Amino acid sequence: GDVEPAMNRSTTGHVFDLRRRAYRYGQ
């Protein structure tokens, strides 16, 4: 939820990668 407001065309790749790592942490 914290990274959702930060998503724009220039930060989308970074947001995706951060979410990937968060989901891997959860797993």
PDB file of all heavy atoms in Angstrom:
ATOM      1  N   GLY A   1       0.799  -1.219   0.000  1.00  0.00           N
ATOM      2  CA  GLY A   1       0.000   0.000   0.000  1.00  0.00           C
ATOM      3  C   GLY A   1       0.831   1.268   0.000  1.00  0.00           C
ATOM      4  O   GLY A   1       0.429   2.289  -0.592  1.00  0.00           O
ATOM      5  N   ASP A   2       1.993   1.232   0.633  1.00  0.00           N
ATOM      6  CA  ASP A   2       2.839   2.428   0.722  1.00  0.00           C
ATOM      7  C   ASP A   2       3.384   2.860  -0.644  1.00  0.00           C
ATOM      8  O   ASP A   2       3.573   4.060  -0.888  1.00  0.00           O
ATOM      9  CB  ASP A   2       4.008   2.179   1.678  1.00  0.00           C
ATOM     10  CG  ASP A   2       3.569   2.212   3.134  1.00  0.00           C
ATOM     11  OD1 ASP A   2       2.457   2.716   3.401  1.00  0.00           O
ATOM     12  OD2 ASP A   2       4.318   1.709   4.003  1.00  0.00           O
ATOM     13  N   VAL A   3       3.639   1.894  -1.510  1.00  0.00           N
ATOM     14  CA  VAL A   3       4.241   2.250  -2.801  1.00  0.00           C
ATOM     15  C   VAL A   3       3.202   2.589  -3.860  1.00  0.00           C
ATOM     16  O   VAL A   3       3.542   3.120  -4.920  1.00  0.00           O
ATOM     17  CB  VAL A   3       5.141   1.109  -3.325  1.00  0.00           C
ATOM     18  CG1 VAL A   3       6.280   0.851  -2.372  1.00  0.00           C
ATOM     19  CG2 VAL A   3       4.335  -0.160  -3.574  1.00  0.00           C
ATOM     20  N   GLU A   4       1.926   2.322  -3.570  1.00  0.00           N
ATOM     21  CA  GLU A   4       0.886   2.576  -4.578  1.00  0.00           C
ATOM     22  C   GLU A   4       0.835   4.057  -4.984  1.00  0.00           C
ATOM     23  O   GLU A   4       0.782   4.369  -6.197  1.00  0.00           O
ATOM     24  CB  GLU A   4      -0.470   2.110  -4.037  1.00  0.00           C
ATOM     25  CG  GLU A   4      -1.633   2.298  -5.005  1.00  0.00           C
ATOM     26  CD  GLU A   4      -1.493   1.447  -6.256  1.00  0.00           C
ATOM     27  OE1 GLU A   4      -0.860   0.383  -6.172  1.00  0.00           O
ATOM     28  OE2 GLU A   4      -2.013   1.853  -7.316  1.00  0.00           O
ATOM     29  N   PRO A   5       0.856   5.030  -4.051  1.00  0.00           N
ATOM     30  CA  PRO A   5       0.803   6.440  -4.464  1.00  0.00           C
ATOM     31  C   PRO A   5       2.040   6.892  -5.238  1.00  0.00           C
ATOM     32  O   PRO A   5       1.997   7.908  -5.945  1.00  0.00           O
ATOM     33  CB  PRO A   5       0.693   7.199  -3.130  1.00  0.00           C
ATOM     34  CG  PRO A   5       0.205   6.188  -2.140  1.00  0.00           C
ATOM     35  CD  PRO A   5       0.793   4.900  -2.578  1.00  0.00           C
ATOM     36  N   ALA A   6       3.133   6.145  -5.083  1.00  0.00           N
ATOM     37  CA  ALA A   6       4.378   6.558  -5.743  1.00  0.00           C
ATOM     38  C   ALA A   6       4.474   6.061  -7.182  1.00  0.00           C
ATOM     39  O   ALA A   6       5.444   6.378  -7.884  1.00  0.00           O
ATOM     40  CB  ALA A   6       5.582   6.036  -4.951  1.00  0.00           C
ATOM     41  N   MET A   7       3.474   5.289  -7.625  1.00  0.00           N
ATOM     42  CA  MET A   7       3.579   4.718  -8.968  1.00  0.00           C
ATOM     43  C   MET A   7       3.265   5.759 -10.041  1.00  0.00           C
ATOM     44  O   MET A   7       2.208   6.397 -10.018  1.00  0.00           O
ATOM     45  CB  MET A   7       2.636   3.526  -9.120  1.00  0.00           C
ATOM     46  CG  MET A   7       2.677   2.896 -10.519  1.00  0.00           C
ATOM     47  SD  MET A   7       1.652   1.413 -10.654  1.00  0.00           S
ATOM     48  CE  MET A   7       2.654   0.247  -9.754  1.00  0.00           C
ATOM     49  N   ASN A   8       4.185   5.936 -10.952  1.00  0.00           N
ATOM     50  CA  ASN A   8       3.973   6.739 -12.164  1.00  0.00           C
ATOM     51  C   ASN A   8       4.836   6.120 -13.258  1.00  0.00           C
ATOM     52  O   ASN A   8       5.508   5.110 -13.041  1.00  0.00           O
ATOM     53  CB  ASN A   8       4.298   8.226 -11.922  1.00  0.00           C
ATOM     54  CG  ASN A   8       5.691   8.424 -11.396  1.00  0.00           C
ATOM     55  OD1 ASN A   8       6.653   7.876 -11.938  1.00  0.00           O
ATOM     56  ND2 ASN A   8       5.827   9.212 -10.330  1.00  0.00           N
ATOM     57  N   ARG A   9       4.822   6.726 -14.410  1.00  0.00           N
ATOM     58  CA  ARG A   9       5.519   6.112 -15.540  1.00  0.00           C
ATOM     59  C   ARG A   9       7.025   5.989 -15.304  1.00  0.00           C
ATOM     60  O   ARG A   9       7.660   5.058 -15.787  1.00  0.00           O
ATOM     61  CB  ARG A   9       5.256   6.918 -16.815  1.00  0.00           C
ATOM     62  CG  ARG A   9       5.664   6.160 -18.070  1.00  0.00           C
ATOM     63  CD  ARG A   9       5.042   6.761 -19.317  1.00  0.00           C
ATOM     64  NE  ARG A   9       5.309   5.935 -20.475  1.00  0.00           N
ATOM     65  CZ  ARG A   9       4.590   4.870 -20.832  1.00  0.00           C
ATOM     66  NH1 ARG A   9       3.549   4.520 -20.083  1.00  0.00           N
ATOM     67  NH2 ARG A   9       4.881   4.166 -21.905  1.00  0.00           N
ATOM     68  N   SER A  10       7.573   6.860 -14.511  1.00  0.00           N
ATOM     69  CA  SER A  10       9.023   6.809 -14.296  1.00  0.00           C
ATOM     70  C   SER A  10       9.417   5.877 -13.147  1.00  0.00           C
ATOM     71  O   SER A  10      10.572   5.444 -13.052  1.00  0.00           O
ATOM     72  CB  SER A  10       9.558   8.215 -14.012  1.00  0.00           C
ATOM     73  OG  SER A  10       8.988   8.734 -12.814  1.00  0.00           O
ATOM     74  N   THR A  11       8.455   5.545 -12.267  1.00  0.00           N
ATOM     75  CA  THR A  11       8.782   4.713 -11.096  1.00  0.00           C
ATOM     76  C   THR A  11       8.151   3.323 -11.138  1.00  0.00           C
ATOM     77  O   THR A  11       8.355   2.524 -10.225  1.00  0.00           O
ATOM     78  CB  THR A  11       8.315   5.407  -9.810  1.00  0.00           C
ATOM     79  OG1 THR A  11       6.882   5.562  -9.844  1.00  0.00           O
ATOM     80  CG2 THR A  11       8.987   6.753  -9.639  1.00  0.00           C
ATOM     81  N   THR A  12       7.376   3.020 -12.181  1.00  0.00           N
ATOM     82  CA  THR A  12       6.640   1.749 -12.224  1.00  0.00           C
ATOM     83  C   THR A  12       7.565   0.541 -12.096  1.00  0.00           C
ATOM     84  O   THR A  12       7.273  -0.414 -11.350  1.00  0.00           O
ATOM     85  CB  THR A  12       5.828   1.645 -13.525  1.00  0.00           C
ATOM     86  OG1 THR A  12       4.855   2.691 -13.546  1.00  0.00           O
ATOM     87  CG2 THR A  12       5.133   0.302 -13.614  1.00  0.00           C
ATOM     88  N   GLY A  13       8.667   0.523 -12.811  1.00  0.00           N
ATOM     89  CA  GLY A  13       9.597  -0.597 -12.736  1.00  0.00           C
ATOM     90  C   GLY A  13      10.119  -0.827 -11.324  1.00  0.00           C
ATOM     91  O   GLY A  13      10.218  -1.968 -10.855  1.00  0.00           O
ATOM     92  N   HIS A  14      10.423   0.278 -10.630  1.00  0.00           N
ATOM     93  CA  HIS A  14      10.912   0.172  -9.266  1.00  0.00           C
ATOM     94  C   HIS A  14       9.824  -0.332  -8.322  1.00  0.00           C
ATOM     95  O   HIS A  14      10.076  -1.153  -7.428  1.00  0.00           O
ATOM     96  CB  HIS A  14      11.432   1.533  -8.801  1.00  0.00           C
ATOM     97  CG  HIS A  14      12.204   1.464  -7.525  1.00  0.00           C
ATOM     98  ND1 HIS A  14      12.699   2.595  -6.902  1.00  0.00           N
ATOM     99  CD2 HIS A  14      12.550   0.430  -6.731  1.00  0.00           C
ATOM    100  CE1 HIS A  14      13.322   2.240  -5.803  1.00  0.00           C
ATOM    101  NE2 HIS A  14      13.250   0.925  -5.672  1.00  0.00           N
ATOM    102  N   VAL A  15       8.586   0.141  -8.531  1.00  0.00           N
ATOM    103  CA  VAL A  15       7.464  -0.309  -7.701  1.00  0.00           C
ATOM    104  C   VAL A  15       7.230  -1.804  -7.884  1.00  0.00           C
ATOM    105  O   VAL A  15       7.023  -2.545  -6.914  1.00  0.00           O
ATOM    106  CB  VAL A  15       6.194   0.484  -8.047  1.00  0.00           C
ATOM    107  CG1 VAL A  15       4.976  -0.157  -7.379  1.00  0.00           C
ATOM    108  CG2 VAL A  15       6.336   1.928  -7.602  1.00  0.00           C
ATOM    109  N   PHE A  16       7.257  -2.276  -9.138  1.00  0.00           N
ATOM    110  CA  PHE A  16       7.075  -3.693  -9.409  1.00  0.00           C
ATOM    111  C   PHE A  16       8.139  -4.534  -8.694  1.00  0.00           C
ATOM    112  O   PHE A  16       7.843  -5.588  -8.102  1.00  0.00           O
ATOM    113  CB  PHE A  16       7.125  -3.961 -10.913  1.00  0.00           C
ATOM    114  CG  PHE A  16       5.884  -3.540 -11.649  1.00  0.00           C
ATOM    115  CD1 PHE A  16       5.864  -3.501 -13.043  1.00  0.00           C
ATOM    116  CD2 PHE A  16       4.735  -3.194 -10.975  1.00  0.00           C
ATOM    117  CE1 PHE A  16       4.725  -3.130 -13.721  1.00  0.00           C
ATOM    118  CE2 PHE A  16       3.582  -2.804 -11.642  1.00  0.00           C
ATOM    119  CZ  PHE A  16       3.575  -2.775 -13.027  1.00  0.00           C
ATOM    120  N   ASP A  17       9.377  -4.087  -8.748  1.00  0.00           N
ATOM    121  CA  ASP A  17      10.459  -4.843  -8.128  1.00  0.00           C
ATOM    122  C   ASP A  17      10.326  -4.861  -6.608  1.00  0.00           C
ATOM    123  O   ASP A  17      10.594  -5.883  -5.958  1.00  0.00           O
ATOM    124  CB  ASP A  17      11.808  -4.231  -8.516  1.00  0.00           C
ATOM    125  CG  ASP A  17      12.975  -4.999  -7.930  1.00  0.00           C
ATOM    126  OD1 ASP A  17      13.157  -6.182  -8.304  1.00  0.00           O
ATOM    127  OD2 ASP A  17      13.705  -4.432  -7.090  1.00  0.00           O
ATOM    128  N   LEU A  18       9.899  -3.737  -6.030  1.00  0.00           N
ATOM    129  CA  LEU A  18       9.710  -3.677  -4.583  1.00  0.00           C
ATOM    130  C   LEU A  18       8.589  -4.617  -4.147  1.00  0.00           C
ATOM    131  O   LEU A  18       8.707  -5.316  -3.126  1.00  0.00           O
ATOM    132  CB  LEU A  18       9.398  -2.238  -4.163  1.00  0.00           C
ATOM    133  CG  LEU A  18       9.388  -1.946  -2.662  1.00  0.00           C
ATOM    134  CD1 LEU A  18      10.753  -2.227  -2.053  1.00  0.00           C
ATOM    135  CD2 LEU A  18       8.979  -0.499  -2.402  1.00  0.00           C
ATOM    136  N   ARG A  19       7.514  -4.658  -4.915  1.00  0.00           N
ATOM    137  CA  ARG A  19       6.425  -5.577  -4.603  1.00  0.00           C
ATOM    138  C   ARG A  19       6.862  -7.042  -4.751  1.00  0.00           C
ATOM    139  O   ARG A  19       6.469  -7.895  -3.966  1.00  0.00           O
ATOM    140  CB  ARG A  19       5.229  -5.277  -5.511  1.00  0.00           C
ATOM    141  CG  ARG A  19       4.456  -4.034  -5.083  1.00  0.00           C
ATOM    142  CD  ARG A  19       3.347  -3.712  -6.031  1.00  0.00           C
ATOM    143  NE  ARG A  19       2.467  -2.680  -5.471  1.00  0.00           N
ATOM    144  CZ  ARG A  19       1.510  -2.059  -6.150  1.00  0.00           C
ATOM    145  NH1 ARG A  19       1.309  -2.357  -7.449  1.00  0.00           N
ATOM    146  NH2 ARG A  19       0.758  -1.141  -5.564  1.00  0.00           N
ATOM    147  N   ARG A  20       7.673  -7.314  -5.739  1.00  0.00           N
ATOM    148  CA  ARG A  20       8.184  -8.677  -5.921  1.00  0.00           C
ATOM    149  C   ARG A  20       8.948  -9.125  -4.679  1.00  0.00           C
ATOM    150  O   ARG A  20       8.747 -10.230  -4.178  1.00  0.00           O
ATOM    151  CB  ARG A  20       9.099  -8.723  -7.151  1.00  0.00           C
ATOM    152  CG  ARG A  20       9.796 -10.088  -7.343  1.00  0.00           C
ATOM    153  CD  ARG A  20      10.892  -9.991  -8.388  1.00  0.00           C
ATOM    154  NE  ARG A  20      11.960  -9.077  -7.984  1.00  0.00           N
ATOM    155  CZ  ARG A  20      12.938  -9.416  -7.144  1.00  0.00           C
ATOM    156  NH1 ARG A  20      12.968 -10.634  -6.598  1.00  0.00           N
ATOM    157  NH2 ARG A  20      13.884  -8.540  -6.835  1.00  0.00           N
ATOM    158  N   ARG A  21       9.799  -8.239  -4.171  1.00  0.00           N
ATOM    159  CA  ARG A  21      10.580  -8.600  -2.992  1.00  0.00           C
ATOM    160  C   ARG A  21       9.716  -8.724  -1.740  1.00  0.00           C
ATOM    161  O   ARG A  21       9.966  -9.561  -0.871  1.00  0.00           O
ATOM    162  CB  ARG A  21      11.682  -7.558  -2.774  1.00  0.00           C
ATOM    163  CG  ARG A  21      12.826  -7.690  -3.776  1.00  0.00           C
ATOM    164  CD  ARG A  21      13.942  -6.698  -3.484  1.00  0.00           C
ATOM    165  NE  ARG A  21      13.575  -5.350  -3.922  1.00  0.00           N
ATOM    166  CZ  ARG A  21      13.946  -4.232  -3.310  1.00  0.00           C
ATOM    167  NH1 ARG A  21      14.676  -4.289  -2.210  1.00  0.00           N
ATOM    168  NH2 ARG A  21      13.595  -3.060  -3.791  1.00  0.00           N
ATOM    169  N   ALA A  22       8.676  -7.892  -1.659  1.00  0.00           N
ATOM    170  CA  ALA A  22       7.766  -7.978  -0.515  1.00  0.00           C
ATOM    171  C   ALA A  22       6.999  -9.301  -0.533  1.00  0.00           C
ATOM    172  O   ALA A  22       6.829  -9.957   0.506  1.00  0.00           O
ATOM    173  CB  ALA A  22       6.792  -6.802  -0.530  1.00  0.00           C
ATOM    174  N   TYR A  23       6.547  -9.728  -1.712  1.00  0.00           N
ATOM    175  CA  TYR A  23       5.811 -10.985  -1.824  1.00  0.00           C
ATOM    176  C   TYR A  23       6.724 -12.183  -1.558  1.00  0.00           C
ATOM    177  O   TYR A  23       6.309 -13.176  -0.956  1.00  0.00           O
ATOM    178  CB  TYR A  23       5.172 -11.087  -3.199  1.00  0.00           C
ATOM    179  CG  TYR A  23       3.868 -10.336  -3.304  1.00  0.00           C
ATOM    180  CD1 TYR A  23       3.793  -8.987  -2.978  1.00  0.00           C
ATOM    181  CD2 TYR A  23       2.703 -10.964  -3.732  1.00  0.00           C
ATOM    182  CE1 TYR A  23       2.607  -8.281  -3.064  1.00  0.00           C
ATOM    183  CE2 TYR A  23       1.509 -10.270  -3.825  1.00  0.00           C
ATOM    184  CZ  TYR A  23       1.468  -8.921  -3.486  1.00  0.00           C
ATOM    185  OH  TYR A  23       0.281  -8.237  -3.564  1.00  0.00           O
ATOM    186  N   ARG A  24       7.971 -12.075  -2.000  1.00  0.00           N
ATOM    187  CA  ARG A  24       8.916 -13.149  -1.714  1.00  0.00           C
ATOM    188  C   ARG A  24       9.185 -13.241  -0.213  1.00  0.00           C
ATOM    189  O   ARG A  24       9.320 -14.335   0.343  1.00  0.00           O
ATOM    190  CB  ARG A  24      10.223 -12.905  -2.471  1.00  0.00           C
ATOM    191  CG  ARG A  24      11.174 -14.083  -2.440  1.00  0.00           C
ATOM    192  CD  ARG A  24      10.599 -15.268  -3.188  1.00  0.00           C
ATOM    193  NE  ARG A  24      10.587 -15.046  -4.616  1.00  0.00           N
ATOM    194  CZ  ARG A  24       9.952 -15.834  -5.485  1.00  0.00           C
ATOM    195  NH1 ARG A  24       9.261 -16.880  -5.037  1.00  0.00           N
ATOM    196  NH2 ARG A  24       9.985 -15.587  -6.777  1.00  0.00           N
ATOM    197  N   TYR A  25       9.232 -12.075   0.452  1.00  0.00           N
ATOM    198  CA  TYR A  25       9.393 -12.072   1.908  1.00  0.00           C
ATOM    199  C   TYR A  25       8.209 -12.778   2.570  1.00  0.00           C
ATOM    200  O   TYR A  25       8.384 -13.578   3.500  1.00  0.00           O
ATOM    201  CB  TYR A  25       9.498 -10.629   2.420  1.00  0.00           C
ATOM    202  CG  TYR A  25       9.190 -10.487   3.892  1.00  0.00           C
ATOM    203  CD1 TYR A  25      10.152 -10.777   4.860  1.00  0.00           C
ATOM    204  CD2 TYR A  25       7.911 -10.091   4.318  1.00  0.00           C
ATOM    205  CE1 TYR A  25       9.861 -10.672   6.209  1.00  0.00           C
ATOM    206  CE2 TYR A  25       7.610  -9.978   5.662  1.00  0.00           C
ATOM    207  CZ  TYR A  25       8.582 -10.271   6.600  1.00  0.00           C
ATOM    208  OH  TYR A  25       8.278 -10.177   7.941  1.00  0.00           O
ATOM    209  N   GLY A  26       7.004 -12.451   2.105  1.00  0.00           N
ATOM    210  CA  GLY A  26       5.817 -13.090   2.673  1.00  0.00           C
ATOM    211  C   GLY A  26       5.848 -14.600   2.496  1.00  0.00           C
ATOM    212  O   GLY A  26       5.522 -15.352   3.424  1.00  0.00           O
ATOM    213  N   GLN A  27       6.243 -15.057   1.325  1.00  0.00           N
ATOM    214  CA  GLN A  27       6.309 -16.496   1.055  1.00  0.00           C
ATOM    215  C   GLN A  27       7.305 -17.179   1.996  1.00  0.00           C
ATOM    216  O   GLN A  27       6.991 -18.197   2.621  1.00  0.00           O
ATOM    217  CB  GLN A  27       6.708 -16.736  -0.404  1.00  0.00           C
ATOM    218  CG  GLN A  27       6.805 -18.215  -0.768  1.00  0.00           C
ATOM    219  CD  GLN A  27       7.335 -18.397  -2.187  1.00  0.00           C
ATOM    220  OE1 GLN A  27       7.865 -17.468  -2.804  1.00  0.00           O
ATOM    221  NE2 GLN A  27       7.187 -19.593  -2.714  1.00  0.00           N
TER     222      GLN A  27
END
